[in-house]
Protein backbone atom coordinates (compact mmCIF):
# COMPACT_ATOMS: atom_id res chain seq x y z
CA ILE A 1 252.32 270.90 -8.09
CA LYS A 2 254.54 268.11 -9.34
CA ILE A 3 254.93 267.52 -13.07
CA ARG A 4 255.79 263.91 -13.82
CA ASP A 5 255.94 261.56 -16.76
CA ARG A 6 253.13 259.02 -16.28
CA PRO A 7 252.19 260.09 -12.73
CA ASP A 8 249.51 257.41 -12.48
CA ALA A 9 252.20 254.73 -12.66
CA ALA A 10 253.36 255.71 -9.17
CA LEU A 11 249.98 254.65 -7.77
CA ALA A 12 249.50 251.42 -9.72
CA ASN A 13 251.22 249.20 -7.14
CA LEU A 14 249.16 250.49 -4.19
CA PRO A 15 245.96 248.47 -4.86
CA LEU A 16 248.09 245.33 -4.86
CA VAL A 17 248.83 245.95 -1.17
CA HIS A 18 245.17 245.65 -0.22
CA LEU A 19 244.67 242.73 -2.59
CA ARG A 20 247.47 240.88 -0.81
CA MET A 21 245.70 241.58 2.50
CA GLN A 22 242.71 239.70 1.06
CA ARG A 23 244.70 236.49 0.51
CA ALA A 24 243.48 233.30 2.16
CA GLY A 25 245.32 230.11 3.05
CA THR A 26 248.88 231.41 2.78
CA ASP A 27 251.69 232.72 4.95
CA THR A 28 252.73 235.24 2.27
CA VAL A 29 250.75 238.09 3.88
CA LYS A 30 253.33 239.97 5.93
CA TRP A 31 250.83 241.79 8.13
CA ARG A 32 248.80 238.94 9.60
CA GLU A 33 248.80 235.21 10.24
CA ALA A 34 247.81 232.57 7.68
CA SER A 35 244.07 232.00 7.69
CA HIS A 36 241.46 229.41 6.72
CA LEU A 37 243.95 226.59 6.43
CA GLY A 38 240.93 224.33 6.98
CA ASP A 39 239.88 225.04 3.39
CA ALA A 40 242.37 222.33 2.43
CA ALA A 41 239.60 219.91 3.44
CA ALA A 42 236.34 221.75 2.77
CA TRP A 43 233.03 219.90 2.88
CA LEU A 44 231.51 219.54 -0.57
CA ASN A 45 228.00 220.92 -1.17
CA VAL A 46 225.86 220.26 -4.24
CA PRO A 47 222.69 221.94 -5.53
CA ASP A 48 219.49 220.98 -3.78
CA GLY A 49 217.21 220.81 -6.78
CA ASP A 50 217.52 223.23 -9.69
CA PRO A 51 220.81 225.21 -9.37
CA VAL A 52 218.93 228.35 -10.39
CA GLY A 53 217.01 228.04 -7.12
CA GLY A 54 220.18 228.73 -5.16
CA LYS A 55 219.67 226.01 -2.52
CA TRP A 56 222.42 223.62 -1.43
CA LYS A 57 222.91 220.42 0.55
CA PRO A 58 225.89 218.30 1.64
CA ALA A 59 227.22 215.93 -1.01
CA PRO A 60 225.83 212.43 -0.40
CA ASP A 61 229.28 210.86 -0.01
CA ASP A 62 230.51 213.38 2.61
CA ARG A 63 233.38 214.34 0.34
CA GLN A 64 236.00 216.93 1.14
CA VAL A 65 238.00 218.94 -1.41
CA ASP A 66 241.15 221.04 -1.28
CA VAL A 67 240.29 224.68 -1.94
CA LEU A 68 243.10 226.26 0.05
CA GLY A 69 244.10 229.72 -1.15
CA GLY A 70 242.42 232.43 -3.19
CA TRP A 71 241.15 235.79 -1.97
CA TYR A 72 238.32 236.89 0.30
CA ASP A 73 235.92 238.77 -1.92
CA ALA A 74 235.20 241.77 0.30
CA GLY A 75 234.93 242.58 3.99
CA ASP A 76 233.75 239.03 4.68
CA HIS A 77 235.64 235.73 4.33
CA ILE A 78 233.78 234.16 1.39
CA LYS A 79 235.53 233.20 -1.86
CA PHE A 80 233.55 233.43 -5.11
CA THR A 81 234.89 231.85 -8.29
CA LEU A 82 233.36 234.48 -10.57
CA THR A 83 234.90 237.47 -8.78
CA THR A 84 238.19 235.58 -8.38
CA THR A 85 238.50 234.91 -12.10
CA TYR A 86 237.41 238.47 -12.89
CA THR A 87 240.23 239.71 -10.66
CA ILE A 88 242.85 237.44 -12.20
CA TYR A 89 241.80 238.34 -15.73
CA HIS A 90 241.98 242.09 -15.11
CA LEU A 91 245.38 241.78 -13.41
CA LEU A 92 246.63 239.91 -16.47
CA LEU A 93 245.32 242.68 -18.73
CA ALA A 94 246.95 245.35 -16.58
CA TYR A 95 250.33 243.65 -16.74
CA GLU A 96 250.10 243.28 -20.52
CA VAL A 97 249.08 246.92 -20.94
CA ALA A 98 252.03 248.40 -19.00
CA PRO A 99 254.38 245.78 -17.51
CA GLU A 100 257.10 248.32 -16.86
CA ILE A 101 255.14 250.18 -14.17
CA PHE A 102 254.82 247.26 -11.78
CA GLU A 103 257.44 246.82 -9.06
CA LYS A 104 258.59 244.26 -6.51
CA ARG A 105 257.66 245.68 -3.11
CA HIS A 106 255.83 243.04 -1.06
CA SER A 107 256.27 239.96 -3.23
CA THR A 108 257.75 236.96 -1.43
CA SER A 109 258.88 235.44 -4.73
CA GLU A 110 261.20 236.54 -7.50
CA LEU A 111 258.27 238.13 -9.33
CA PRO A 112 256.99 241.71 -9.19
CA ASP A 113 253.95 242.14 -6.97
CA ILE A 114 251.37 241.92 -9.76
CA LEU A 115 252.73 238.66 -11.18
CA ASP A 116 253.07 237.24 -7.69
CA GLU A 117 249.40 238.09 -7.11
CA ILE A 118 248.44 236.55 -10.45
CA ARG A 119 250.32 233.37 -9.57
CA HIS A 120 248.52 233.20 -6.22
CA GLY A 121 245.17 233.47 -8.00
CA LEU A 122 245.97 230.98 -10.75
CA THR A 123 247.28 228.43 -8.26
CA TYR A 124 243.93 228.60 -6.50
CA VAL A 125 241.70 228.27 -9.56
CA LEU A 126 243.69 225.23 -10.68
CA LYS A 127 242.05 223.49 -7.68
CA LEU A 128 238.49 224.32 -8.64
CA TRP A 129 237.94 221.31 -10.91
CA PRO A 130 239.08 218.30 -8.86
CA ASP A 131 237.30 215.74 -11.06
CA HIS A 132 235.19 215.49 -14.19
CA ASP A 133 231.86 216.17 -12.45
CA THR A 134 232.89 218.59 -9.69
CA PHE A 135 233.47 222.30 -10.23
CA ILE A 136 233.70 224.71 -7.27
CA VAL A 137 231.77 227.96 -7.60
CA GLN A 138 232.01 229.24 -4.00
CA VAL A 139 233.84 228.56 -0.72
CA GLY A 140 232.12 229.61 2.49
CA ASP A 141 228.50 230.71 2.68
CA SER A 142 226.13 233.25 4.19
CA GLY A 143 226.81 231.81 7.64
CA ASP A 144 229.93 233.96 7.52
CA HIS A 145 227.81 237.05 8.11
CA LYS A 146 226.29 235.79 11.35
CA LEU A 147 229.45 235.80 13.48
CA GLY A 148 230.36 239.49 13.47
CA TRP A 149 233.75 241.04 12.97
CA ARG A 150 236.77 238.80 13.56
CA LEU A 151 240.19 238.34 12.03
CA PRO A 152 240.31 235.62 9.37
CA VAL A 153 242.67 233.57 11.52
CA ASN A 154 240.11 233.63 14.34
CA ASP A 155 237.15 232.47 12.27
CA ALA A 156 235.26 229.78 14.17
CA LEU A 157 234.02 228.43 10.84
CA ASP A 158 237.50 227.43 9.69
CA GLY A 159 237.46 223.71 8.93
CA GLN A 160 233.67 223.69 8.53
CA ARG A 161 233.30 225.87 5.44
CA PRO A 162 231.44 224.35 2.48
CA ALA A 163 232.77 224.23 -1.05
CA LYS A 164 229.75 224.59 -3.32
CA ALA A 165 230.08 222.66 -6.58
CA ALA A 166 228.02 222.90 -9.77
CA LEU A 167 228.86 222.49 -13.44
CA ALA A 168 227.90 226.12 -14.10
CA ARG A 169 229.04 227.48 -17.45
CA THR A 170 229.26 231.09 -16.22
CA GLN A 171 231.93 230.25 -13.65
CA MET A 172 233.59 227.54 -15.74
CA ALA A 173 233.97 229.82 -18.77
CA SER A 174 235.35 232.68 -16.70
CA THR A 175 237.91 230.22 -15.32
CA VAL A 176 238.91 229.13 -18.83
CA ALA A 177 239.43 232.77 -19.83
CA ALA A 178 241.67 233.43 -16.81
CA LEU A 179 243.64 230.21 -17.25
CA ALA A 180 244.18 230.61 -21.00
CA ARG A 181 245.41 234.19 -20.76
CA GLY A 182 247.35 233.27 -17.64
CA ALA A 183 249.13 230.55 -19.60
CA ARG A 184 250.24 233.08 -22.21
CA VAL A 185 251.33 235.77 -19.75
CA MET A 186 253.10 233.43 -17.31
CA ALA A 187 254.92 231.38 -19.95
CA GLU A 188 258.14 233.38 -19.60
CA HIS A 189 257.88 233.82 -15.83
CA ASP A 190 256.71 230.42 -14.57
CA PRO A 191 256.64 227.88 -17.43
CA ALA A 192 255.46 225.00 -15.25
CA LEU A 193 252.47 227.00 -13.99
CA ALA A 194 251.73 228.20 -17.52
CA ASP A 195 251.66 224.61 -18.80
CA ARG A 196 249.24 223.57 -16.05
CA CYS A 197 246.97 226.51 -16.84
CA ALA A 198 246.96 225.76 -20.56
CA GLU A 199 246.22 222.08 -20.01
CA MET A 200 243.30 222.74 -17.65
CA ALA A 201 241.90 225.49 -19.90
CA ARG A 202 241.76 223.07 -22.84
CA ARG A 203 240.12 220.27 -20.87
CA LEU A 204 237.68 222.56 -19.04
CA MET A 205 236.59 224.22 -22.28
CA GLY A 206 235.72 220.79 -23.58
CA ARG A 207 233.82 219.93 -20.39
CA ILE A 208 231.71 223.10 -20.62
CA GLN A 209 230.29 221.92 -23.92
CA GLU A 210 228.95 218.63 -22.53
CA SER A 211 225.19 218.36 -22.15
CA ASP A 212 225.01 218.05 -18.35
CA THR A 213 226.30 221.54 -17.57
CA VAL A 214 223.99 224.33 -16.39
CA SER A 215 224.03 228.04 -17.07
CA VAL A 216 224.44 229.49 -13.56
CA ALA A 217 224.72 228.56 -9.89
CA PHE A 218 224.72 230.74 -6.77
CA GLU A 219 223.69 230.73 -3.11
CA ARG A 220 220.19 231.98 -2.39
CA ALA A 221 220.62 234.21 0.66
CA SER A 222 219.85 237.83 1.50
CA THR A 223 223.56 238.64 1.56
CA ASN A 224 224.63 236.57 -1.45
CA ASP A 225 221.88 237.00 -4.05
CA PHE A 226 224.06 239.82 -5.32
CA TYR A 227 226.41 237.19 -6.78
CA LEU A 228 223.96 235.85 -9.34
CA ASP A 229 225.09 236.39 -12.94
CA ARG A 230 222.17 235.52 -15.19
CA SER A 231 224.09 235.53 -18.47
CA GLU A 232 226.85 233.17 -19.57
CA ALA A 233 227.29 234.63 -23.07
CA ASP A 234 229.96 237.18 -22.14
CA GLN A 235 232.15 234.66 -20.30
CA MET A 236 231.62 231.98 -22.97
CA SER A 237 232.57 234.33 -25.79
CA LEU A 238 235.66 235.51 -23.91
CA ALA A 239 236.71 231.94 -23.10
CA ALA A 240 236.51 231.00 -26.78
CA LEU A 241 238.56 234.04 -27.78
CA GLU A 242 241.23 233.15 -25.23
CA MET A 243 241.34 229.58 -26.51
CA ALA A 244 241.82 230.94 -30.04
CA ALA A 245 244.71 233.11 -28.83
CA LEU A 246 246.22 230.27 -26.80
CA ASP A 247 246.19 227.60 -29.51
CA GLY A 248 246.00 229.67 -32.70
CA ASP A 249 242.88 227.75 -33.75
CA PRO A 250 240.54 229.99 -35.80
CA GLY A 251 237.67 227.60 -35.15
CA TRP A 252 237.29 229.12 -31.70
CA LEU A 253 236.46 232.48 -33.28
CA GLY A 254 233.22 230.99 -34.58
CA VAL A 255 232.35 229.85 -31.06
CA ALA A 256 233.15 233.32 -29.73
CA GLU A 257 230.94 234.92 -32.38
CA HIS A 258 228.12 232.49 -31.62
CA HIS A 259 228.17 233.61 -27.98
CA ALA A 260 228.72 237.31 -28.76
CA PRO A 261 227.02 239.03 -25.80
CA GLY A 262 225.93 242.25 -27.47
CA ARG A 263 225.87 245.51 -25.56
CA GLY A 264 226.48 245.44 -21.84
CA ARG A 265 224.25 247.56 -19.59
CA GLU A 266 227.21 248.31 -17.34
CA ALA A 267 230.73 247.04 -16.70
CA GLY A 268 231.64 244.91 -13.70
CA TRP A 269 232.20 241.44 -12.31
CA SER A 270 228.91 240.15 -13.80
CA PHE A 271 229.05 242.21 -17.01
CA TRP A 272 232.17 241.22 -18.96
CA HIS A 273 230.57 242.18 -22.30
CA TRP A 274 233.05 244.82 -23.40
CA LEU A 275 235.97 242.40 -23.08
CA PRO A 276 234.85 239.77 -25.62
CA ASN A 277 233.46 242.53 -27.82
CA SER A 278 236.90 244.16 -27.93
CA GLY A 279 238.41 240.80 -28.91
CA LEU A 280 235.77 240.16 -31.57
CA ALA A 281 236.34 243.66 -32.94
CA ALA A 282 240.11 243.04 -33.04
CA ALA A 283 239.43 239.84 -35.03
CA GLY A 284 237.36 241.82 -37.53
CA ILE A 285 234.04 240.33 -36.44
CA GLU A 286 231.39 242.98 -36.91
CA ILE A 287 229.02 241.93 -34.14
CA GLY A 288 231.73 242.58 -31.56
CA GLN A 289 232.48 246.05 -32.87
CA GLU A 290 228.77 246.83 -32.87
CA GLY A 291 228.38 245.63 -29.29
CA LEU A 292 231.37 247.60 -28.04
CA ASP A 293 230.27 250.73 -29.92
CA ALA A 294 226.71 250.50 -28.55
CA GLU A 295 227.86 249.95 -24.97
CA VAL A 296 230.41 252.75 -24.92
CA SER A 297 227.98 255.09 -26.68
CA THR A 298 225.57 254.53 -23.79
CA TYR A 299 228.29 255.55 -21.33
CA LEU A 300 229.11 258.63 -23.38
CA GLY A 301 225.45 259.59 -23.56
CA ASN A 302 225.01 259.34 -19.81
CA ALA A 303 228.22 261.30 -19.17
CA ALA A 304 226.90 264.13 -21.35
CA ALA A 305 223.44 264.19 -19.76
CA GLU A 306 222.44 262.65 -16.41
CA GLY A 307 226.10 262.24 -15.44
CA GLN A 308 226.85 265.95 -15.40
CA PRO A 309 228.58 267.91 -13.97
CA TRP A 310 231.18 265.20 -13.37
CA GLY A 311 230.74 263.27 -16.62
CA LEU A 312 229.75 260.03 -14.89
CA PRO A 313 229.11 257.16 -17.32
CA GLY A 314 226.40 255.43 -15.28
CA ARG A 315 223.90 255.69 -12.44
CA TYR A 316 224.61 255.68 -8.72
CA MET A 317 224.46 252.13 -7.37
CA TRP A 318 226.12 249.82 -4.89
CA GLY A 319 229.77 249.82 -5.94
CA SER A 320 229.41 252.85 -8.21
CA VAL A 321 233.12 253.66 -8.51
CA ALA A 322 234.09 250.21 -9.76
CA ARG A 323 231.28 250.23 -12.36
CA TRP A 324 232.31 253.68 -13.59
CA MET A 325 235.93 252.63 -13.84
CA GLY A 326 234.90 249.57 -15.85
CA ALA A 327 232.94 251.80 -18.22
CA ALA A 328 235.93 254.15 -18.47
CA ASN A 329 238.30 251.27 -19.23
CA ALA A 330 235.95 250.05 -21.96
CA SER A 331 235.86 253.55 -23.44
CA ARG A 332 239.65 253.87 -23.41
CA VAL A 333 240.07 250.54 -25.20
CA ALA A 334 237.32 251.32 -27.71
CA ALA A 335 239.06 254.59 -28.55
CA ALA A 336 242.44 252.85 -28.92
CA GLN A 337 240.88 250.29 -31.27
CA GLY A 338 239.26 253.02 -33.37
CA VAL A 339 235.72 251.85 -32.54
CA ILE A 340 234.93 255.34 -31.24
CA GLY A 341 236.79 258.65 -31.36
CA ALA A 342 238.72 260.73 -28.84
CA GLU A 343 235.58 261.18 -26.74
CA GLY A 344 236.36 257.74 -25.31
CA ASP A 345 239.65 259.00 -23.91
CA ALA A 346 237.93 262.10 -22.55
CA LEU A 347 235.46 259.94 -20.61
CA PHE A 348 238.30 257.76 -19.33
CA TYR A 349 240.31 260.65 -17.95
CA GLY A 350 237.19 262.28 -16.53
CA VAL A 351 236.43 259.17 -14.45
CA LEU A 352 240.10 258.91 -13.45
CA ASP A 353 239.98 262.49 -12.16
CA TYR A 354 236.71 261.76 -10.34
CA VAL A 355 238.26 258.76 -8.57
CA PHE A 356 241.17 260.90 -7.37
CA GLY A 357 239.20 263.86 -6.05
CA ARG A 358 237.28 265.76 -8.72
CA ASN A 359 233.94 264.87 -7.14
CA ASN A 360 231.30 266.30 -4.79
CA TRP A 361 233.30 265.48 -1.68
CA GLY A 362 236.78 266.36 -2.96
CA VAL A 363 238.20 263.03 -1.78
CA PRO A 364 240.21 260.35 -3.58
CA PHE A 365 238.47 256.98 -3.32
CA LEU A 366 241.76 255.08 -3.30
CA LEU A 367 242.94 254.98 0.30
CA ASP A 368 246.45 256.32 0.76
CA GLU A 369 247.53 258.61 3.59
CA ARG A 370 249.86 260.48 1.23
CA LEU A 371 247.01 261.70 -0.99
CA PRO A 372 245.55 265.13 -0.17
CA ASN A 373 242.21 265.13 1.65
CA HIS A 374 242.48 261.35 1.93
CA LEU A 375 239.78 259.14 3.36
CA GLU A 376 240.25 258.08 6.95
CA GLN A 377 238.27 254.86 7.21
CA LEU A 378 237.02 251.83 5.25
CA TYR A 379 234.57 249.01 5.87
CA SER A 380 237.36 246.48 6.46
CA PRO A 381 237.02 244.46 9.67
CA THR A 382 240.50 243.02 9.17
CA SER A 383 242.17 246.43 8.90
CA TYR A 384 240.15 247.81 11.82
CA LEU A 385 240.91 244.89 14.13
CA MET A 386 244.60 245.07 13.22
CA ASN A 387 244.60 248.86 13.70
CA ARG A 388 246.19 249.14 10.27
CA PHE A 389 245.33 251.83 7.71
CA PRO A 390 243.92 250.02 4.62
CA THR A 391 246.53 251.33 2.19
CA GLY A 392 245.62 250.69 -1.43
CA ALA A 393 241.98 249.80 -0.82
CA LEU A 394 239.39 251.25 -3.17
CA SER A 395 236.22 252.50 -1.51
CA ALA A 396 232.91 251.44 -3.03
CA GLY A 397 232.19 255.14 -3.41
CA PRO A 398 228.98 257.18 -3.51
CA THR A 399 225.62 255.50 -3.85
CA SER A 400 222.06 256.63 -4.32
CA ARG A 401 220.31 258.08 -1.30
CA ARG A 402 217.32 255.85 -2.11
CA MET A 403 219.50 252.73 -1.77
CA HIS A 404 221.48 253.93 1.23
CA GLU A 405 218.83 255.20 3.64
CA PRO A 406 216.95 251.88 4.17
CA LEU A 407 220.21 250.24 5.27
CA GLU A 408 221.51 252.94 7.61
CA HIS A 409 219.99 251.23 10.67
CA MET A 410 222.52 248.42 10.17
CA PHE A 411 225.56 250.66 10.72
CA ASN A 412 226.82 250.37 14.30
CA GLN A 413 227.60 254.05 14.63
CA PRO A 414 226.37 257.12 12.78
CA ASP A 415 228.46 259.01 10.28
CA ASP A 416 230.36 261.94 11.79
CA GLY A 417 228.94 264.26 9.15
CA ARG A 418 232.36 265.36 7.88
CA LEU A 419 231.27 265.07 4.25
CA ALA A 420 227.49 265.40 4.63
CA ALA A 421 227.39 268.97 3.31
CA PHE A 422 228.42 267.69 -0.11
CA ASP A 423 225.70 265.05 -0.42
CA THR A 424 222.83 265.76 -2.80
CA GLU A 425 219.21 264.75 -3.03
CA VAL A 426 220.37 261.85 -5.23
CA ALA A 427 223.85 260.81 -4.03
CA VAL A 428 225.49 260.25 -0.65
CA PHE A 429 228.94 259.20 0.51
CA HIS A 430 230.02 258.48 4.10
CA ASP A 431 233.58 258.03 5.33
CA ASN A 432 232.43 255.59 8.02
CA ARG A 433 234.07 252.26 8.85
CA TRP A 434 230.64 250.70 9.51
CA ASP A 435 229.12 251.77 6.18
CA PHE A 436 229.40 248.67 4.01
CA VAL A 437 227.30 250.29 1.25
CA CYS A 438 229.62 253.24 0.58
CA HIS A 439 232.84 251.92 1.96
CA GLU A 440 233.38 248.21 1.37
CA SER A 441 236.17 247.26 -1.02
CA THR A 442 236.10 244.18 -3.25
CA ILE A 443 238.82 242.27 -5.04
CA GLY A 444 237.19 242.97 -8.41
CA ALA A 445 237.31 246.71 -7.72
CA GLN A 446 241.00 246.41 -6.83
CA ALA A 447 241.61 244.85 -10.22
CA ASP A 448 239.51 247.52 -11.96
CA ILE A 449 241.62 250.37 -10.63
CA ILE A 450 244.88 248.54 -11.37
CA LEU A 451 243.79 248.15 -14.99
CA MET A 452 242.70 251.80 -15.08
CA LEU A 453 246.08 253.02 -13.82
CA ALA A 454 247.86 250.76 -16.30
CA LEU A 455 245.78 252.13 -19.18
CA ALA A 456 246.45 255.69 -17.97
CA SER A 457 250.18 254.92 -17.96
CA SER A 458 250.27 253.23 -21.38
CA ARG A 459 251.40 254.91 -24.56
CA GLY A 460 248.12 254.49 -26.42
CA ASP A 461 248.76 251.14 -28.12
CA ALA A 462 246.15 250.35 -30.80
CA ASP A 463 245.99 246.83 -29.33
CA PRO A 464 246.07 247.57 -25.58
CA LEU A 465 244.58 244.23 -24.50
CA GLY A 466 246.99 242.05 -26.45
CA TRP A 467 244.55 240.58 -28.98
CA SER A 468 247.34 240.34 -31.59
CA ASP A 469 247.68 236.63 -30.76
CA LEU A 470 244.25 235.91 -32.25
CA PRO A 471 244.51 233.86 -35.47
């Protein structure tokens, strides 16, 4: 047993390793060749009819746009604006919470790994609005899933990938939030980048409010319907709060309050509710405090009842671990802000312990060969084809048996049964490289655990998310 001051800080840099592996369009990944350089001239797609229908067609003028860079969302090669901005925003929060814990290990710049990753992400999203009427919500499409496993550099679709564009407020507002906070965080590290982020955030926030924008846009496909976010209120409220913090203009607080999202049903890439609610609460706006209190109280109630014996804040689903970490992070912040009591910290540390082995299967869901009883595999075609252990990846974690069993025929080989004895009638978890339900990592989940480890390593600041810049 090792007794350390802030032991979680030692792990906080690991998820950045896997996140770097997910980079596209760059030669800054040390372990593999640059990939999808053809995204520098991606074919523009536009909605075919109502954007809510999820159908797309080539732009009538055969336009191409530069969308080089970014991150692949998961085990595939698609880039989604909403999960990209979610990732950037959470990395920014993590750095503000505990900047001293982040080191320079794999960065190819003068910056520590986390700021280098943030800069990579911000540089990409600065390309997503090439002109007044074009905003990119996705690069690549469901055709990616038809070609089987291949390294990104060997993707036959490179140079043919569509860039889907729609003036969708959900994605536009999430981009404003990431750019505005990015401008504040990067000001002392990369002033030129910070200025570009601030300038685009201001202009894009104005564009969102024009009458020709739509609420949401996504690709209708069996593999991509998952990426539909039906509510823009959480991202709009957060964008307004970040504009208020960026420019010191209290008028934006009224916009944030107008879009106050209320209680979130869960936390994750499509449910940002707790974030604007924490900002509204910090600004003394009652509706935000009420929303944060109601959401976290739901998590606490589940942890005390259905979530026993592990104190889980939500139900088993696809990507359970990331959702539970989001709920835990919300609870930790709510406790720090005085919205709830010490029970918020108890839930946070309970989920942290669960992630690192206090669970049915006794395994840590963060992949690191140095951790006891570590996982051996991951659904990561890139890691498998490179014969490289996916250090720092976060497994999707256990899911419900009801959700898992209908999909088991799609796994190329059966589970070896190593952990089967610890499954229950409700929950299952397989350490199987073919099991994309239990074992696929996403960039948003990487950011969730980085924020969790930063919060665990912080000294309990009453303003952990840096809302002190609000007017």
